[in-house]
């Protein structure tokens, strides 16, 4: 992999924060592109995912983490909760040896770089979902788009078939790189 995953992941966290900061008070209960979640539930998913990073990268198992990130992790100030979770996740992936250490995820153990790549995609795509749901600019940062392709291409069939992001939508052959990525992950640009 030619990308610096910890740094690209941190950049994705910053970009997604912009979408969160743009959520209006009346938009938290609006539907999102993720059918089972409204905007608040989607943001809660992203924050909970960020919170899982530090303990898993530190070597804890899913069982050891347990249910501590179940339920509402946003509290009364979702943006502050996001900021804290983003700092923790970014620091964990930047820690020495984090990219090579085995991480005990539900589909693992996998090297930290695999987990970081999947978190990168989760943060980027759900940032897009939040922007889409709330009427904000959905244009993906070109560097993040390239990084997502680098993560996705070696495992395209596995991730597209996993349903983690939605059911694959085939984009036209002449579609942009962004539209093709979004389609593979169940979204239309």
C-alpha atoms as a PDB file:
ATOM      1  CA  UNK A   1       0.000   0.000   0.000  1.00  0.00           C
ATOM      2  CA  UNK A   2       1.429   3.342  -0.975  1.00  0.00           C
ATOM      3  CA  UNK A   3      -0.781   5.519   1.222  1.00  0.00           C
ATOM      4  CA  UNK A   4       0.018   6.549   4.776  1.00  0.00           C
ATOM      5  CA  UNK A   5      -3.114   5.043   6.289  1.00  0.00           C
ATOM      6  CA  UNK A   6      -2.905   6.730   9.703  1.00  0.00           C
ATOM      7  CA  UNK A   7      -2.599  10.153   8.092  1.00  0.00           C
ATOM      8  CA  UNK A   8      -5.237   9.551   5.426  1.00  0.00           C
ATOM      9  CA  UNK A   9      -7.589   8.197   8.107  1.00  0.00           C
ATOM     10  CA  UNK A  10      -7.004  11.346  10.186  1.00  0.00           C
ATOM     11  CA  UNK A  11      -7.748  13.470   7.116  1.00  0.00           C
ATOM     12  CA  UNK A  12     -10.997  11.534   6.597  1.00  0.00           C
ATOM     13  CA  UNK A  13     -11.977  12.227  10.197  1.00  0.00           C
ATOM     14  CA  UNK A  14     -11.419  15.945   9.586  1.00  0.00           C
ATOM     15  CA  UNK A  15     -13.440  15.911   6.368  1.00  0.00           C
ATOM     16  CA  UNK A  16     -16.323  14.023   7.980  1.00  0.00           C
ATOM     17  CA  UNK A  17     -16.324  16.486  10.864  1.00  0.00           C
ATOM     18  CA  UNK A  18     -17.287  19.199   8.375  1.00  0.00           C
ATOM     19  CA  UNK A  19     -20.455  17.273   7.547  1.00  0.00           C
ATOM     20  CA  UNK A  20     -21.257  16.819  11.224  1.00  0.00           C
ATOM     21  CA  UNK A  21     -20.712  20.511  11.930  1.00  0.00           C
ATOM     22  CA  UNK A  22     -23.184  21.301   9.149  1.00  0.00           C
ATOM     23  CA  UNK A  23     -26.063  19.310  10.647  1.00  0.00           C
ATOM     24  CA  UNK A  24     -28.885  21.657  11.609  1.00  0.00           C
ATOM     25  CA  UNK A  25     -30.824  21.140  14.869  1.00  0.00           C
ATOM     26  CA  UNK A  26     -33.880  19.924  12.957  1.00  0.00           C
ATOM     27  CA  UNK A  27     -31.891  17.457  10.818  1.00  0.00           C
ATOM     28  CA  UNK A  28     -30.829  14.910  13.437  1.00  0.00           C
ATOM     29  CA  UNK A  29     -33.993  12.853  13.002  1.00  0.00           C
ATOM     30  CA  UNK A  30     -33.984  12.974   9.184  1.00  0.00           C
ATOM     31  CA  UNK A  31     -33.565   9.715   7.266  1.00  0.00           C
ATOM     32  CA  UNK A  32     -30.092   8.841   5.997  1.00  0.00           C
ATOM     33  CA  UNK A  33     -28.962   6.798   2.986  1.00  0.00           C
ATOM     34  CA  UNK A  34     -28.509   3.950   5.492  1.00  0.00           C
ATOM     35  CA  UNK A  35     -32.112   2.751   5.663  1.00  0.00           C
ATOM     36  CA  UNK A  36     -31.974   1.551   9.262  1.00  0.00           C
ATOM     37  CA  UNK A  37     -30.542   4.808  10.647  1.00  0.00           C
ATOM     38  CA  UNK A  38     -31.632   8.403  10.886  1.00  0.00           C
ATOM     39  CA  UNK A  39     -28.881  11.061  10.886  1.00  0.00           C
ATOM     40  CA  UNK A  40     -28.313  10.838  14.667  1.00  0.00           C
ATOM     41  CA  UNK A  41     -28.084   7.030  14.594  1.00  0.00           C
ATOM     42  CA  UNK A  42     -25.649   7.236  11.672  1.00  0.00           C
ATOM     43  CA  UNK A  43     -23.430   9.721  13.521  1.00  0.00           C
ATOM     44  CA  UNK A  44     -23.678   7.501  16.616  1.00  0.00           C
ATOM     45  CA  UNK A  45     -22.445   4.563  14.481  1.00  0.00           C
ATOM     46  CA  UNK A  46     -19.446   6.569  13.261  1.00  0.00           C
ATOM     47  CA  UNK A  47     -18.540   7.749  16.782  1.00  0.00           C
ATOM     48  CA  UNK A  48     -18.935   4.248  18.229  1.00  0.00           C
ATOM     49  CA  UNK A  49     -16.732   2.909  15.428  1.00  0.00           C
ATOM     50  CA  UNK A  50     -14.090   5.497  16.292  1.00  0.00           C
ATOM     51  CA  UNK A  51     -14.274   4.538  19.969  1.00  0.00           C
ATOM     52  CA  UNK A  52     -13.614   0.878  19.168  1.00  0.00           C
ATOM     53  CA  UNK A  53     -10.289   1.693  17.476  1.00  0.00           C
ATOM     54  CA  UNK A  54      -8.091   2.396  20.520  1.00  0.00           C
ATOM     55  CA  UNK A  55      -8.956  -0.718  22.531  1.00  0.00           C
ATOM     56  CA  UNK A  56      -8.792  -3.026  19.505  1.00  0.00           C
ATOM     57  CA  UNK A  57      -5.480  -1.589  18.294  1.00  0.00           C
ATOM     58  CA  UNK A  58      -4.172  -1.947  21.869  1.00  0.00           C
ATOM     59  CA  UNK A  59      -4.847  -5.676  21.645  1.00  0.00           C
ATOM     60  CA  UNK A  60      -8.215  -6.082  23.329  1.00  0.00           C
ATOM     61  CA  UNK A  61     -10.725  -8.521  21.918  1.00  0.00           C
ATOM     62  CA  UNK A  62     -14.334  -7.765  21.066  1.00  0.00           C
ATOM     63  CA  UNK A  63     -15.315  -9.703  24.165  1.00  0.00           C
ATOM     64  CA  UNK A  64     -13.040  -7.593  26.343  1.00  0.00           C
ATOM     65  CA  UNK A  65     -14.481  -4.367  24.958  1.00  0.00           C
ATOM     66  CA  UNK A  66     -17.927  -5.818  25.517  1.00  0.00           C
ATOM     67  CA  UNK A  67     -20.929  -3.532  25.344  1.00  0.00           C
ATOM     68  CA  UNK A  68     -19.300  -0.302  26.481  1.00  0.00           C
ATOM     69  CA  UNK A  69     -19.992   1.391  23.133  1.00  0.00           C
ATOM     70  CA  UNK A  70     -23.536   0.090  22.693  1.00  0.00           C
ATOM     71  CA  UNK A  71     -26.401   2.550  22.797  1.00  0.00           C
ATOM     72  CA  UNK A  72     -26.066   6.323  22.630  1.00  0.00           C
ATOM     73  CA  UNK A  73     -22.437   7.481  22.672  1.00  0.00           C
ATOM     74  CA  UNK A  74     -23.268  11.020  21.502  1.00  0.00           C
ATOM     75  CA  UNK A  75     -24.860  12.459  24.617  1.00  0.00           C
ATOM     76  CA  UNK A  76     -26.005  16.077  24.553  1.00  0.00           C
ATOM     77  CA  UNK A  77     -23.125  17.319  22.383  1.00  0.00           C
ATOM     78  CA  UNK A  78     -22.619  15.046  19.348  1.00  0.00           C
ATOM     79  CA  UNK A  79     -19.900  17.201  17.785  1.00  0.00           C
ATOM     80  CA  UNK A  80     -17.766  17.164  20.942  1.00  0.00           C
ATOM     81  CA  UNK A  81     -18.318  13.400  21.232  1.00  0.00           C
ATOM     82  CA  UNK A  82     -17.205  13.017  17.625  1.00  0.00           C
ATOM     83  CA  UNK A  83     -14.135  15.180  18.195  1.00  0.00           C
ATOM     84  CA  UNK A  84     -13.026  13.113  21.199  1.00  0.00           C
ATOM     85  CA  UNK A  85     -13.586   9.839  19.373  1.00  0.00           C
ATOM     86  CA  UNK A  86     -11.731  11.096  16.288  1.00  0.00           C
ATOM     87  CA  UNK A  87      -8.679  12.137  18.325  1.00  0.00           C
ATOM     88  CA  UNK A  88      -8.598   8.742  20.074  1.00  0.00           C
ATOM     89  CA  UNK A  89      -8.928   6.807  16.814  1.00  0.00           C
ATOM     90  CA  UNK A  90      -6.304   8.877  15.005  1.00  0.00           C
ATOM     91  CA  UNK A  91      -3.835   8.548  17.884  1.00  0.00           C
ATOM     92  CA  UNK A  92      -4.376   4.788  18.086  1.00  0.00           C
ATOM     93  CA  UNK A  93      -3.635   4.258  14.389  1.00  0.00           C
ATOM     94  CA  UNK A  94      -0.561   6.504  14.653  1.00  0.00           C
ATOM     95  CA  UNK A  95       0.873   4.540  17.587  1.00  0.00           C
ATOM     96  CA  UNK A  96       4.109   2.634  16.914  1.00  0.00           C
ATOM     97  CA  UNK A  97       3.471  -0.762  15.349  1.00  0.00           C
ATOM     98  CA  UNK A  98      -0.280  -0.214  14.979  1.00  0.00           C
ATOM     99  CA  UNK A  99      -0.332  -0.963  11.252  1.00  0.00           C
ATOM    100  CA  UNK A 100       1.290  -4.385  11.689  1.00  0.00           C
ATOM    101  CA  UNK A 101      -0.206  -5.528  14.986  1.00  0.00           C
ATOM    102  CA  UNK A 102      -3.018  -8.093  14.806  1.00  0.00           C
ATOM    103  CA  UNK A 103      -6.426  -6.599  15.528  1.00  0.00           C
ATOM    104  CA  UNK A 104      -9.202  -8.897  16.739  1.00  0.00           C
ATOM    105  CA  UNK A 105     -12.144  -7.593  14.732  1.00  0.00           C
ATOM    106  CA  UNK A 106     -15.267  -9.581  13.872  1.00  0.00           C
ATOM    107  CA  UNK A 107     -13.691 -10.667  10.563  1.00  0.00           C
ATOM    108  CA  UNK A 108     -10.172 -11.145  11.951  1.00  0.00           C
ATOM    109  CA  UNK A 109      -7.698 -11.061  13.374  1.00  0.00           C
ATOM    110  CA  UNK A 110      -6.282  -8.814  10.688  1.00  0.00           C
ATOM    111  CA  UNK A 111      -3.227  -6.560  10.564  1.00  0.00           C
ATOM    112  CA  UNK A 112      -3.887  -3.033  11.812  1.00  0.00           C
ATOM    113  CA  UNK A 113      -3.472  -1.669   8.273  1.00  0.00           C
ATOM    114  CA  UNK A 114      -6.463  -3.719   7.089  1.00  0.00           C
ATOM    115  CA  UNK A 115      -8.575  -2.458   9.979  1.00  0.00           C
ATOM    116  CA  UNK A 116      -7.379   1.124   9.379  1.00  0.00           C
ATOM    117  CA  UNK A 117      -8.333   0.825   5.718  1.00  0.00           C
ATOM    118  CA  UNK A 118     -11.802  -0.350   6.597  1.00  0.00           C
ATOM    119  CA  UNK A 119     -12.209   2.441   9.163  1.00  0.00           C
ATOM    120  CA  UNK A 120     -11.037   4.925   6.515  1.00  0.00           C
ATOM    121  CA  UNK A 121     -13.758   3.754   4.154  1.00  0.00           C
ATOM    122  CA  UNK A 122     -16.381   3.746   6.912  1.00  0.00           C
ATOM    123  CA  UNK A 123     -15.557   7.320   7.896  1.00  0.00           C
ATOM    124  CA  UNK A 124     -15.439   8.600   4.287  1.00  0.00           C
ATOM    125  CA  UNK A 125     -18.602   6.869   3.095  1.00  0.00           C
ATOM    126  CA  UNK A 126     -20.645   7.687   6.184  1.00  0.00           C
ATOM    127  CA  UNK A 127     -19.401  11.276   6.003  1.00  0.00           C
ATOM    128  CA  UNK A 128     -20.832  11.304   2.481  1.00  0.00           C
ATOM    129  CA  UNK A 129     -24.065   9.772   3.833  1.00  0.00           C
ATOM    130  CA  UNK A 130     -24.368  12.511   6.462  1.00  0.00           C
ATOM    131  CA  UNK A 131     -23.756  15.233   3.890  1.00  0.00           C
ATOM    132  CA  UNK A 132     -26.284  13.678   1.518  1.00  0.00           C
ATOM    133  CA  UNK A 133     -28.954  13.331   4.208  1.00  0.00           C
ATOM    134  CA  UNK A 134     -28.567  16.919   5.330  1.00  0.00           C
ATOM    135  CA  UNK A 135     -28.306  18.629   1.928  1.00  0.00           C
ATOM    136  CA  UNK A 136     -24.605  19.473   2.132  1.00  0.00           C
ATOM    137  CA  UNK A 137     -21.906  19.201  -0.539  1.00  0.00           C
ATOM    138  CA  UNK A 138     -21.228  15.500  -1.096  1.00  0.00           C
ATOM    139  CA  UNK A 139     -18.117  15.872  -3.248  1.00  0.00           C
ATOM    140  CA  UNK A 140     -15.441  13.561  -1.900  1.00  0.00           C
ATOM    141  CA  UNK A 141     -11.935  14.888  -1.316  1.00  0.00           C
ATOM    142  CA  UNK A 142      -9.906  13.570  -4.301  1.00  0.00           C
ATOM    143  CA  UNK A 143      -7.057  12.307  -2.060  1.00  0.00           C
ATOM    144  CA  UNK A 144      -9.540  10.416   0.127  1.00  0.00           C
ATOM    145  CA  UNK A 145     -11.259   9.028  -2.955  1.00  0.00           C
ATOM    146  CA  UNK A 146      -7.921   7.735  -4.259  1.00  0.00           C
ATOM    147  CA  UNK A 147      -7.101   6.241  -0.846  1.00  0.00           C
ATOM    148  CA  UNK A 148     -10.475   4.486  -0.700  1.00  0.00           C
ATOM    149  CA  UNK A 149      -9.839   2.970  -4.129  1.00  0.00           C
ATOM    150  CA  UNK A 150      -6.420   1.789  -3.000  1.00  0.00           C
ATOM    151  CA  UNK A 151      -8.001   0.063  -0.009  1.00  0.00           C
ATOM    152  CA  UNK A 152     -10.986  -1.253  -1.946  1.00  0.00           C
ATOM    153  CA  UNK A 153      -9.450  -2.607  -5.157  1.00  0.00           C
ATOM    154  CA  UNK A 154      -7.622  -5.632  -3.685  1.00  0.00           C
ATOM    155  CA  UNK A 155     -10.787  -6.684  -1.836  1.00  0.00           C
ATOM    156  CA  UNK A 156     -13.495  -5.226  -4.042  1.00  0.00           C
ATOM    157  CA  UNK A 157     -15.644  -8.340  -4.305  1.00  0.00           C
ATOM    158  CA  UNK A 158     -15.379  -9.119  -0.598  1.00  0.00           C
ATOM    159  CA  UNK A 159     -16.380  -5.616   0.524  1.00  0.00           C
ATOM    160  CA  UNK A 160     -19.034  -5.084  -2.140  1.00  0.00           C
ATOM    161  CA  UNK A 161     -20.613  -8.455  -1.304  1.00  0.00           C
ATOM    162  CA  UNK A 162     -20.411  -7.948   2.459  1.00  0.00           C
ATOM    163  CA  UNK A 163     -23.397  -5.616   2.500  1.00  0.00           C
ATOM    164  CA  UNK A 164     -21.601  -3.521   5.125  1.00  0.00           C
ATOM    165  CA  UNK A 165     -22.184  -0.394   3.061  1.00  0.00           C
ATOM    166  CA  UNK A 166     -25.272  -1.416   1.086  1.00  0.00           C
ATOM    167  CA  UNK A 167     -25.958  -3.461  -1.991  1.00  0.00           C
ATOM    168  CA  UNK A 168     -23.756  -2.853  -5.004  1.00  0.00           C
ATOM    169  CA  UNK A 169     -25.149  -0.530  -7.674  1.00  0.00           C
ATOM    170  CA  UNK A 170     -23.399  -0.760 -11.019  1.00  0.00           C
ATOM    171  CA  UNK A 171     -22.465   2.689 -12.273  1.00  0.00           C
ATOM    172  CA  UNK A 172     -22.292   3.354 -16.021  1.00  0.00           C
ATOM    173  CA  UNK A 173     -18.944   2.620 -17.674  1.00  0.00           C
ATOM    174  CA  UNK A 174     -18.305   6.332 -18.196  1.00  0.00           C
ATOM    175  CA  UNK A 175     -19.115   7.267 -14.579  1.00  0.00           C
ATOM    176  CA  UNK A 176     -16.630   9.223 -12.502  1.00  0.00           C
ATOM    177  CA  UNK A 177     -14.318   7.491 -10.068  1.00  0.00           C
ATOM    178  CA  UNK A 178     -16.451   8.865  -7.229  1.00  0.00           C
ATOM    179  CA  UNK A 179     -19.712   7.558  -8.735  1.00  0.00           C
ATOM    180  CA  UNK A 180     -18.174   4.124  -9.321  1.00  0.00           C
ATOM    181  CA  UNK A 181     -16.901   3.946  -5.714  1.00  0.00           C
ATOM    182  CA  UNK A 182     -20.243   5.042  -4.316  1.00  0.00           C
ATOM    183  CA  UNK A 183     -22.047   2.514  -6.511  1.00  0.00           C
ATOM    184  CA  UNK A 184     -19.845  -0.342  -5.353  1.00  0.00           C
ATOM    185  CA  UNK A 185     -20.790   0.609  -1.808  1.00  0.00           C
ATOM    186  CA  UNK A 186     -24.512   0.847  -2.476  1.00  0.00           C
ATOM    187  CA  UNK A 187     -24.919   4.547  -3.160  1.00  0.00           C
ATOM    188  CA  UNK A 188     -25.819   6.694  -6.146  1.00  0.00           C
ATOM    189  CA  UNK A 189     -23.967   9.948  -6.686  1.00  0.00           C
END
